[in-house]
Amino acid sequence: MNLEPADARRRLRAIYRALYRAGGPQRWWPAETPFEVMVGAVLTQNTAWTNVEKAIENLRQKRLLTPARLAGTPLRTLAGLIRPSGYYNIKAKRLRNLVGLITDRYSGSLEKMFARGPAGLREELLEVNGIGPETADSILLYAGNMPFFVVDAYTKRIFSRHGFIPADADYHQVQKLFMDSLPRSTRLYNEYHALIVRLGKEYCRKKTPLCETCPLKPFLTSRKTATSPAATIHI
């Protein structure tokens, strides 16, 4: 489906309102500090969040959830603590690479790091071995409060099924669709992405989608006329 910009804006906003009305505020990302968000963004790669929670709790118990303390932890020890998240040896190295950016360029200060221009900081994050666009944008959005829309497998699955994007659309194409169609709002991007994740887990499953009870069923069955009534949050 080739959508005109105005049509894309209308539809994406209507979908957001439908999701928000069905699910309410998600209060995502669950973390006590911005650094914990960053750690979680790395650990959640290729695993379920329940596994990440176990790994983060291990780090919390050892009081390692600061850049300085994590930097001083031997890789083998770190890998053992984050074992529940899977691929723990690889992720331990990725965490150390990320901490290296914080300590080497910003003297261990997240305040200094997030004071950097958003575009420049995104490029720096993408230069870190093991940090791809989704992880970088999760850090920028949820830890740095910067308006970058996060795209994940759920986003691609849901919006390709609804005809917004081709199934093989790349990260940049999908992100551009959302960022061109929505206000540049950190709060909106945060909530929209969290609602998409919830929909993907509960309804728009990979193998057994529950289309009949999905909050977005009207948009799938009647794309040309689908509308959404007023909701608590307006965009």
C-alpha atoms as a PDB file:
ATOM      1  CA  MET A   1       0.000   0.000   0.000  1.00  0.00           C
ATOM      2  CA  ASN A   2       1.399   3.403  -0.982  1.00  0.00           C
ATOM      3  CA  LEU A   3       0.070   5.906   1.517  1.00  0.00           C
ATOM      4  CA  GLU A   4       0.046   9.629   0.998  1.00  0.00           C
ATOM      5  CA  PRO A   5       1.760  11.495   3.889  1.00  0.00           C
ATOM      6  CA  ALA A   6      -1.536  12.941   5.150  1.00  0.00           C
ATOM      7  CA  ASP A   7      -3.171   9.511   5.044  1.00  0.00           C
ATOM      8  CA  ALA A   8      -0.246   7.921   6.885  1.00  0.00           C
ATOM      9  CA  ARG A   9      -0.449  10.587   9.586  1.00  0.00           C
ATOM     10  CA  ARG A  10      -4.162  10.075  10.046  1.00  0.00           C
ATOM     11  CA  ARG A  11      -3.949   6.297  10.182  1.00  0.00           C
ATOM     12  CA  LEU A  12      -0.951   6.083  12.488  1.00  0.00           C
ATOM     13  CA  ARG A  13      -2.524   8.525  14.924  1.00  0.00           C
ATOM     14  CA  ALA A  14      -5.828   6.656  14.839  1.00  0.00           C
ATOM     15  CA  ILE A  15      -4.015   3.388  15.529  1.00  0.00           C
ATOM     16  CA  TYR A  16      -2.219   4.963  18.471  1.00  0.00           C
ATOM     17  CA  ARG A  17      -5.503   6.143  19.944  1.00  0.00           C
ATOM     18  CA  ALA A  18      -7.023   2.679  19.531  1.00  0.00           C
ATOM     19  CA  LEU A  19      -4.046   1.033  21.211  1.00  0.00           C
ATOM     20  CA  TYR A  20      -3.998   3.530  24.050  1.00  0.00           C
ATOM     21  CA  ARG A  21      -7.725   3.158  24.610  1.00  0.00           C
ATOM     22  CA  ALA A  22      -7.359  -0.639  24.748  1.00  0.00           C
ATOM     23  CA  GLY A  23      -4.151  -0.865  26.767  1.00  0.00           C
ATOM     24  CA  GLY A  24      -3.743   2.364  28.693  1.00  0.00           C
ATOM     25  CA  PRO A  25      -0.348   3.772  29.715  1.00  0.00           C
ATOM     26  CA  GLN A  26       2.411   1.163  29.714  1.00  0.00           C
ATOM     27  CA  ARG A  27       4.935   2.936  31.982  1.00  0.00           C
ATOM     28  CA  TRP A  28       7.848   1.612  29.975  1.00  0.00           C
ATOM     29  CA  TRP A  29      10.914   1.349  30.342  1.00  0.00           C
ATOM     30  CA  PRO A  30      10.922  -0.302  33.814  1.00  0.00           C
ATOM     31  CA  ALA A  31      14.193   0.823  35.420  1.00  0.00           C
ATOM     32  CA  GLU A  32      15.472   2.743  38.418  1.00  0.00           C
ATOM     33  CA  THR A  33      18.137   4.772  36.592  1.00  0.00           C
ATOM     34  CA  PRO A  34      19.073   5.792  33.029  1.00  0.00           C
ATOM     35  CA  PHE A  35      22.124   3.530  33.197  1.00  0.00           C
ATOM     36  CA  GLU A  36      19.917   0.593  34.103  1.00  0.00           C
ATOM     37  CA  VAL A  37      17.882   1.359  30.968  1.00  0.00           C
ATOM     38  CA  MET A  38      21.070   1.240  28.916  1.00  0.00           C
ATOM     39  CA  VAL A  39      22.097  -2.079  30.406  1.00  0.00           C
ATOM     40  CA  GLY A  40      18.632  -3.476  29.766  1.00  0.00           C
ATOM     41  CA  ALA A  41      18.707  -2.280  26.154  1.00  0.00           C
ATOM     42  CA  VAL A  42      21.785  -4.428  25.543  1.00  0.00           C
ATOM     43  CA  LEU A  43      20.598  -7.440  27.535  1.00  0.00           C
ATOM     44  CA  THR A  44      17.178  -7.576  25.858  1.00  0.00           C
ATOM     45  CA  GLN A  45      18.744  -8.350  22.476  1.00  0.00           C
ATOM     46  CA  ASN A  46      17.362 -11.719  21.302  1.00  0.00           C
ATOM     47  CA  THR A  47      15.658 -12.624  24.573  1.00  0.00           C
ATOM     48  CA  ALA A  48      12.486 -12.079  26.584  1.00  0.00           C
ATOM     49  CA  TRP A  49      12.293  -9.265  29.112  1.00  0.00           C
ATOM     50  CA  THR A  50      11.647 -11.724  31.950  1.00  0.00           C
ATOM     51  CA  ASN A  51      15.170 -13.074  31.385  1.00  0.00           C
ATOM     52  CA  VAL A  52      16.604  -9.561  31.378  1.00  0.00           C
ATOM     53  CA  GLU A  53      14.960  -8.804  34.717  1.00  0.00           C
ATOM     54  CA  LYS A  54      16.777 -11.739  36.308  1.00  0.00           C
ATOM     55  CA  ALA A  55      20.122 -10.599  34.929  1.00  0.00           C
ATOM     56  CA  ILE A  56      19.591  -6.997  36.055  1.00  0.00           C
ATOM     57  CA  GLU A  57      18.598  -8.157  39.526  1.00  0.00           C
ATOM     58  CA  ASN A  58      21.887 -10.067  39.734  1.00  0.00           C
ATOM     59  CA  LEU A  59      23.773  -6.887  38.838  1.00  0.00           C
ATOM     60  CA  ARG A  60      21.723  -4.852  41.309  1.00  0.00           C
ATOM     61  CA  GLN A  61      22.478  -7.242  44.154  1.00  0.00           C
ATOM     62  CA  LYS A  62      26.203  -6.852  43.442  1.00  0.00           C
ATOM     63  CA  ARG A  63      25.771  -3.063  43.183  1.00  0.00           C
ATOM     64  CA  LEU A  64      27.229  -2.996  39.684  1.00  0.00           C
ATOM     65  CA  LEU A  65      24.644  -0.774  37.985  1.00  0.00           C
ATOM     66  CA  THR A  66      26.959   2.190  37.505  1.00  0.00           C
ATOM     67  CA  PRO A  67      29.406   2.766  34.639  1.00  0.00           C
ATOM     68  CA  ALA A  68      32.445   2.800  36.950  1.00  0.00           C
ATOM     69  CA  ARG A  69      31.572  -0.403  38.801  1.00  0.00           C
ATOM     70  CA  LEU A  70      30.617  -2.272  35.656  1.00  0.00           C
ATOM     71  CA  ALA A  71      33.857  -1.163  33.986  1.00  0.00           C
ATOM     72  CA  GLY A  72      35.844  -2.603  36.882  1.00  0.00           C
ATOM     73  CA  THR A  73      34.122  -5.989  36.808  1.00  0.00           C
ATOM     74  CA  PRO A  74      36.040  -8.858  35.150  1.00  0.00           C
ATOM     75  CA  LEU A  75      34.350 -10.072  31.976  1.00  0.00           C
ATOM     76  CA  ARG A  76      33.993 -13.607  33.296  1.00  0.00           C
ATOM     77  CA  THR A  77      32.259 -12.360  36.434  1.00  0.00           C
ATOM     78  CA  LEU A  78      29.999 -10.068  34.426  1.00  0.00           C
ATOM     79  CA  ALA A  79      29.082 -12.850  32.020  1.00  0.00           C
ATOM     80  CA  GLY A  80      28.128 -15.117  34.902  1.00  0.00           C
ATOM     81  CA  LEU A  81      25.870 -12.495  36.442  1.00  0.00           C
ATOM     82  CA  ILE A  82      23.993 -11.809  33.190  1.00  0.00           C
ATOM     83  CA  ARG A  83      23.748 -15.477  32.222  1.00  0.00           C
ATOM     84  CA  PRO A  84      19.892 -15.506  32.436  1.00  0.00           C
ATOM     85  CA  SER A  85      19.722 -13.074  29.495  1.00  0.00           C
ATOM     86  CA  GLY A  86      21.341 -15.558  27.104  1.00  0.00           C
ATOM     87  CA  TYR A  87      24.384 -15.037  24.855  1.00  0.00           C
ATOM     88  CA  TYR A  88      26.003 -13.854  28.075  1.00  0.00           C
ATOM     89  CA  ASN A  89      29.626 -13.879  26.904  1.00  0.00           C
ATOM     90  CA  ILE A  90      28.771 -11.741  23.873  1.00  0.00           C
ATOM     91  CA  LYS A  91      26.547  -9.408  25.876  1.00  0.00           C
ATOM     92  CA  ALA A  92      29.189  -8.974  28.572  1.00  0.00           C
ATOM     93  CA  LYS A  93      31.584  -7.684  25.907  1.00  0.00           C
ATOM     94  CA  ARG A  94      28.908  -5.421  24.464  1.00  0.00           C
ATOM     95  CA  LEU A  95      28.196  -3.938  27.878  1.00  0.00           C
ATOM     96  CA  ARG A  96      31.880  -3.287  28.392  1.00  0.00           C
ATOM     97  CA  ASN A  97      32.072  -1.656  24.951  1.00  0.00           C
ATOM     98  CA  LEU A  98      29.164   0.616  25.852  1.00  0.00           C
ATOM     99  CA  VAL A  99      30.695   1.488  29.204  1.00  0.00           C
ATOM    100  CA  GLY A 100      33.929   2.236  27.374  1.00  0.00           C
ATOM    101  CA  LEU A 101      32.149   4.948  25.381  1.00  0.00           C
ATOM    102  CA  ILE A 102      30.762   6.488  28.561  1.00  0.00           C
ATOM    103  CA  THR A 103      34.060   6.432  30.445  1.00  0.00           C
ATOM    104  CA  ASP A 104      36.452   7.286  27.615  1.00  0.00           C
ATOM    105  CA  ARG A 105      34.487  10.116  25.981  1.00  0.00           C
ATOM    106  CA  TYR A 106      32.354  11.402  28.838  1.00  0.00           C
ATOM    107  CA  SER A 107      34.411  10.670  31.961  1.00  0.00           C
ATOM    108  CA  GLY A 108      31.756   8.223  33.136  1.00  0.00           C
ATOM    109  CA  SER A 109      29.054  10.904  33.208  1.00  0.00           C
ATOM    110  CA  LEU A 110      25.678  10.153  31.639  1.00  0.00           C
ATOM    111  CA  GLU A 111      24.737  13.797  32.136  1.00  0.00           C
ATOM    112  CA  LYS A 112      27.605  14.842  29.874  1.00  0.00           C
ATOM    113  CA  MET A 113      26.793  12.072  27.424  1.00  0.00           C
ATOM    114  CA  PHE A 114      23.143  13.046  27.021  1.00  0.00           C
ATOM    115  CA  ALA A 115      24.053  16.722  26.741  1.00  0.00           C
ATOM    116  CA  ARG A 116      25.588  15.834  23.369  1.00  0.00           C
ATOM    117  CA  GLY A 117      23.554  16.604  20.273  1.00  0.00           C
ATOM    118  CA  PRO A 118      21.078  13.764  19.548  1.00  0.00           C
ATOM    119  CA  ALA A 119      22.272  13.033  16.010  1.00  0.00           C
ATOM    120  CA  GLY A 120      25.928  13.034  17.022  1.00  0.00           C
ATOM    121  CA  LEU A 121      25.307  10.813  20.027  1.00  0.00           C
ATOM    122  CA  ARG A 122      23.344   8.353  17.908  1.00  0.00           C
ATOM    123  CA  GLU A 123      26.287   8.052  15.535  1.00  0.00           C
ATOM    124  CA  GLU A 124      28.626   7.450  18.463  1.00  0.00           C
ATOM    125  CA  LEU A 125      26.391   4.724  19.840  1.00  0.00           C
ATOM    126  CA  LEU A 126      26.192   3.025  16.460  1.00  0.00           C
ATOM    127  CA  GLU A 127      29.995   2.967  16.341  1.00  0.00           C
ATOM    128  CA  VAL A 128      30.062   0.829  19.493  1.00  0.00           C
ATOM    129  CA  ASN A 129      30.577  -2.837  18.640  1.00  0.00           C
ATOM    130  CA  GLY A 130      27.328  -4.681  19.363  1.00  0.00           C
ATOM    131  CA  ILE A 131      25.042  -1.619  19.365  1.00  0.00           C
ATOM    132  CA  GLY A 132      22.635  -1.559  16.429  1.00  0.00           C
ATOM    133  CA  PRO A 133      19.883   0.939  15.561  1.00  0.00           C
ATOM    134  CA  GLU A 134      17.217  -0.585  17.810  1.00  0.00           C
ATOM    135  CA  THR A 135      19.504  -0.665  20.858  1.00  0.00           C
ATOM    136  CA  ALA A 136      20.874   2.810  20.162  1.00  0.00           C
ATOM    137  CA  ASP A 137      17.411   4.317  19.753  1.00  0.00           C
ATOM    138  CA  SER A 138      16.156   2.548  22.891  1.00  0.00           C
ATOM    139  CA  ILE A 139      18.998   4.173  24.817  1.00  0.00           C
ATOM    140  CA  LEU A 140      18.312   7.585  23.297  1.00  0.00           C
ATOM    141  CA  LEU A 141      14.556   7.429  23.843  1.00  0.00           C
ATOM    142  CA  TYR A 142      14.229   5.703  27.192  1.00  0.00           C
ATOM    143  CA  ALA A 143      17.445   6.739  28.931  1.00  0.00           C
ATOM    144  CA  GLY A 144      18.170  10.063  27.232  1.00  0.00           C
ATOM    145  CA  ASN A 145      14.600  11.300  26.639  1.00  0.00           C
ATOM    146  CA  MET A 146      15.412  12.053  23.010  1.00  0.00           C
ATOM    147  CA  PRO A 147      12.716  11.672  20.324  1.00  0.00           C
ATOM    148  CA  PHE A 148      13.879   8.687  18.276  1.00  0.00           C
ATOM    149  CA  PHE A 149      11.179   6.173  17.381  1.00  0.00           C
ATOM    150  CA  VAL A 150      12.252   2.618  18.243  1.00  0.00           C
ATOM    151  CA  VAL A 151      11.536  -0.033  15.617  1.00  0.00           C
ATOM    152  CA  ASP A 152      11.516  -3.713  16.506  1.00  0.00           C
ATOM    153  CA  ALA A 153      10.246  -7.003  15.096  1.00  0.00           C
ATOM    154  CA  TYR A 154       6.760  -6.332  16.475  1.00  0.00           C
ATOM    155  CA  THR A 155       6.592  -2.990  14.662  1.00  0.00           C
ATOM    156  CA  LYS A 156       7.554  -4.549  11.341  1.00  0.00           C
ATOM    157  CA  ARG A 157       5.175  -7.475  11.778  1.00  0.00           C
ATOM    158  CA  ILE A 158       2.130  -5.412  12.742  1.00  0.00           C
ATOM    159  CA  PHE A 159       2.509  -2.635  10.207  1.00  0.00           C
ATOM    160  CA  SER A 160       3.435  -4.900   7.314  1.00  0.00           C
ATOM    161  CA  ARG A 161       0.321  -6.968   8.020  1.00  0.00           C
ATOM    162  CA  HIS A 162      -1.707  -3.764   7.948  1.00  0.00           C
ATOM    163  CA  GLY A 163      -0.197  -2.692   4.655  1.00  0.00           C
ATOM    164  CA  PHE A 164       1.845   0.288   5.827  1.00  0.00           C
ATOM    165  CA  ILE A 165       5.236  -1.166   4.900  1.00  0.00           C
ATOM    166  CA  PRO A 166       6.575  -4.072   2.840  1.00  0.00           C
ATOM    167  CA  ALA A 167       7.562  -7.136   4.841  1.00  0.00           C
ATOM    168  CA  ASP A 168      11.215  -6.570   3.946  1.00  0.00           C
ATOM    169  CA  ALA A 169      11.310  -2.876   4.893  1.00  0.00           C
ATOM    170  CA  ASP A 170      14.535  -1.923   6.647  1.00  0.00           C
ATOM    171  CA  TYR A 171      14.879  -0.165   9.993  1.00  0.00           C
ATOM    172  CA  HIS A 172      15.400   3.283   8.518  1.00  0.00           C
ATOM    173  CA  GLN A 173      12.330   3.056   6.263  1.00  0.00           C
ATOM    174  CA  VAL A 174      10.044   2.064   9.124  1.00  0.00           C
ATOM    175  CA  GLN A 175      11.445   4.651  11.512  1.00  0.00           C
ATOM    176  CA  LYS A 176      11.068   7.365   8.897  1.00  0.00           C
ATOM    177  CA  LEU A 177       7.398   6.476   8.414  1.00  0.00           C
ATOM    178  CA  PHE A 178       6.677   7.052  12.096  1.00  0.00           C
ATOM    179  CA  MET A 179       8.901  10.073  12.606  1.00  0.00           C
ATOM    180  CA  ASP A 180       7.553  11.804   9.508  1.00  0.00           C
ATOM    181  CA  SER A 181       3.954  11.087  10.510  1.00  0.00           C
ATOM    182  CA  LEU A 182       3.961  11.827  14.244  1.00  0.00           C
ATOM    183  CA  PRO A 183       4.878  14.840  16.373  1.00  0.00           C
ATOM    184  CA  ARG A 184       8.468  14.729  17.648  1.00  0.00           C
ATOM    185  CA  SER A 185       7.432  13.813  21.168  1.00  0.00           C
ATOM    186  CA  THR A 186       9.503  11.634  23.492  1.00  0.00           C
ATOM    187  CA  ARG A 187       6.421  10.791  25.541  1.00  0.00           C
ATOM    188  CA  LEU A 188       4.427   9.806  22.459  1.00  0.00           C
ATOM    189  CA  TYR A 189       7.219   7.686  20.973  1.00  0.00           C
ATOM    190  CA  ASN A 190       7.717   5.985  24.330  1.00  0.00           C
ATOM    191  CA  GLU A 191       4.057   5.111  24.738  1.00  0.00           C
ATOM    192  CA  TYR A 192       3.478   4.141  21.101  1.00  0.00           C
ATOM    193  CA  HIS A 193       6.396   1.731  21.014  1.00  0.00           C
ATOM    194  CA  ALA A 194       5.400   0.142  24.326  1.00  0.00           C
ATOM    195  CA  LEU A 195       1.830  -0.330  23.089  1.00  0.00           C
ATOM    196  CA  ILE A 196       3.117  -1.918  19.873  1.00  0.00           C
ATOM    197  CA  VAL A 197       5.186  -4.393  21.890  1.00  0.00           C
ATOM    198  CA  ARG A 198       2.174  -5.312  23.993  1.00  0.00           C
ATOM    199  CA  LEU A 199       0.007  -5.805  20.911  1.00  0.00           C
ATOM    200  CA  GLY A 200       2.654  -7.975  19.269  1.00  0.00           C
ATOM    201  CA  LYS A 201       2.924 -10.204  22.320  1.00  0.00           C
ATOM    202  CA  GLU A 202      -0.759 -10.537  23.071  1.00  0.00           C
ATOM    203  CA  TYR A 203      -2.469 -10.373  19.672  1.00  0.00           C
ATOM    204  CA  CYS A 204      -0.308  -9.979  16.575  1.00  0.00           C
ATOM    205  CA  ARG A 205       1.681 -13.136  17.197  1.00  0.00           C
ATOM    206  CA  LYS A 206       4.106 -14.468  14.645  1.00  0.00           C
ATOM    207  CA  LYS A 207       2.376 -17.811  14.021  1.00  0.00           C
ATOM    208  CA  THR A 208      -1.071 -17.571  15.605  1.00  0.00           C
ATOM    209  CA  PRO A 209      -2.352 -13.979  15.416  1.00  0.00           C
ATOM    210  CA  LEU A 210      -5.585 -13.295  17.295  1.00  0.00           C
ATOM    211  CA  CYS A 211      -7.119 -11.018  14.690  1.00  0.00           C
ATOM    212  CA  GLU A 212     -10.737 -11.481  15.772  1.00  0.00           C
ATOM    213  CA  THR A 213     -10.154  -9.964  19.215  1.00  0.00           C
ATOM    214  CA  CYS A 214      -7.318  -7.594  18.288  1.00  0.00           C
ATOM    215  CA  PRO A 215      -7.851  -3.878  19.093  1.00  0.00           C
ATOM    216  CA  LEU A 216      -6.694  -3.135  15.538  1.00  0.00           C
ATOM    217  CA  LYS A 217      -9.141  -5.458  13.803  1.00  0.00           C
ATOM    218  CA  PRO A 218     -11.130  -2.527  12.280  1.00  0.00           C
ATOM    219  CA  PHE A 219      -7.948  -1.202  10.667  1.00  0.00           C
ATOM    220  CA  LEU A 220      -7.165  -4.575   9.133  1.00  0.00           C
ATOM    221  CA  THR A 221     -10.631  -5.286   7.756  1.00  0.00           C
ATOM    222  CA  SER A 222     -11.545  -1.783   6.580  1.00  0.00           C
ATOM    223  CA  ARG A 223      -8.384   0.179   5.942  1.00  0.00           C
ATOM    224  CA  LYS A 224     -10.053   2.831   3.810  1.00  0.00           C
ATOM    225  CA  THR A 225     -12.675   3.831   6.345  1.00  0.00           C
ATOM    226  CA  ALA A 226     -11.154   2.929   9.710  1.00  0.00           C
ATOM    227  CA  THR A 227     -11.498   5.704  12.241  1.00  0.00           C
ATOM    228  CA  SER A 228     -11.054   5.985  15.977  1.00  0.00           C
ATOM    229  CA  PRO A 229     -13.155   7.868  18.523  1.00  0.00           C
ATOM    230  CA  ALA A 230     -11.648  10.354  20.936  1.00  0.00           C
ATOM    231  CA  ALA A 231      -9.349   8.949  23.624  1.00  0.00           C
ATOM    232  CA  THR A 232      -7.670  10.244  26.760  1.00  0.00           C
ATOM    233  CA  ILE A 233      -4.511  11.315  24.922  1.00  0.00           C
ATOM    234  CA  HIS A 234      -4.843  13.287  21.698  1.00  0.00           C
ATOM    235  CA  ILE A 235      -2.212  13.597  18.959  1.00  0.00           C
END
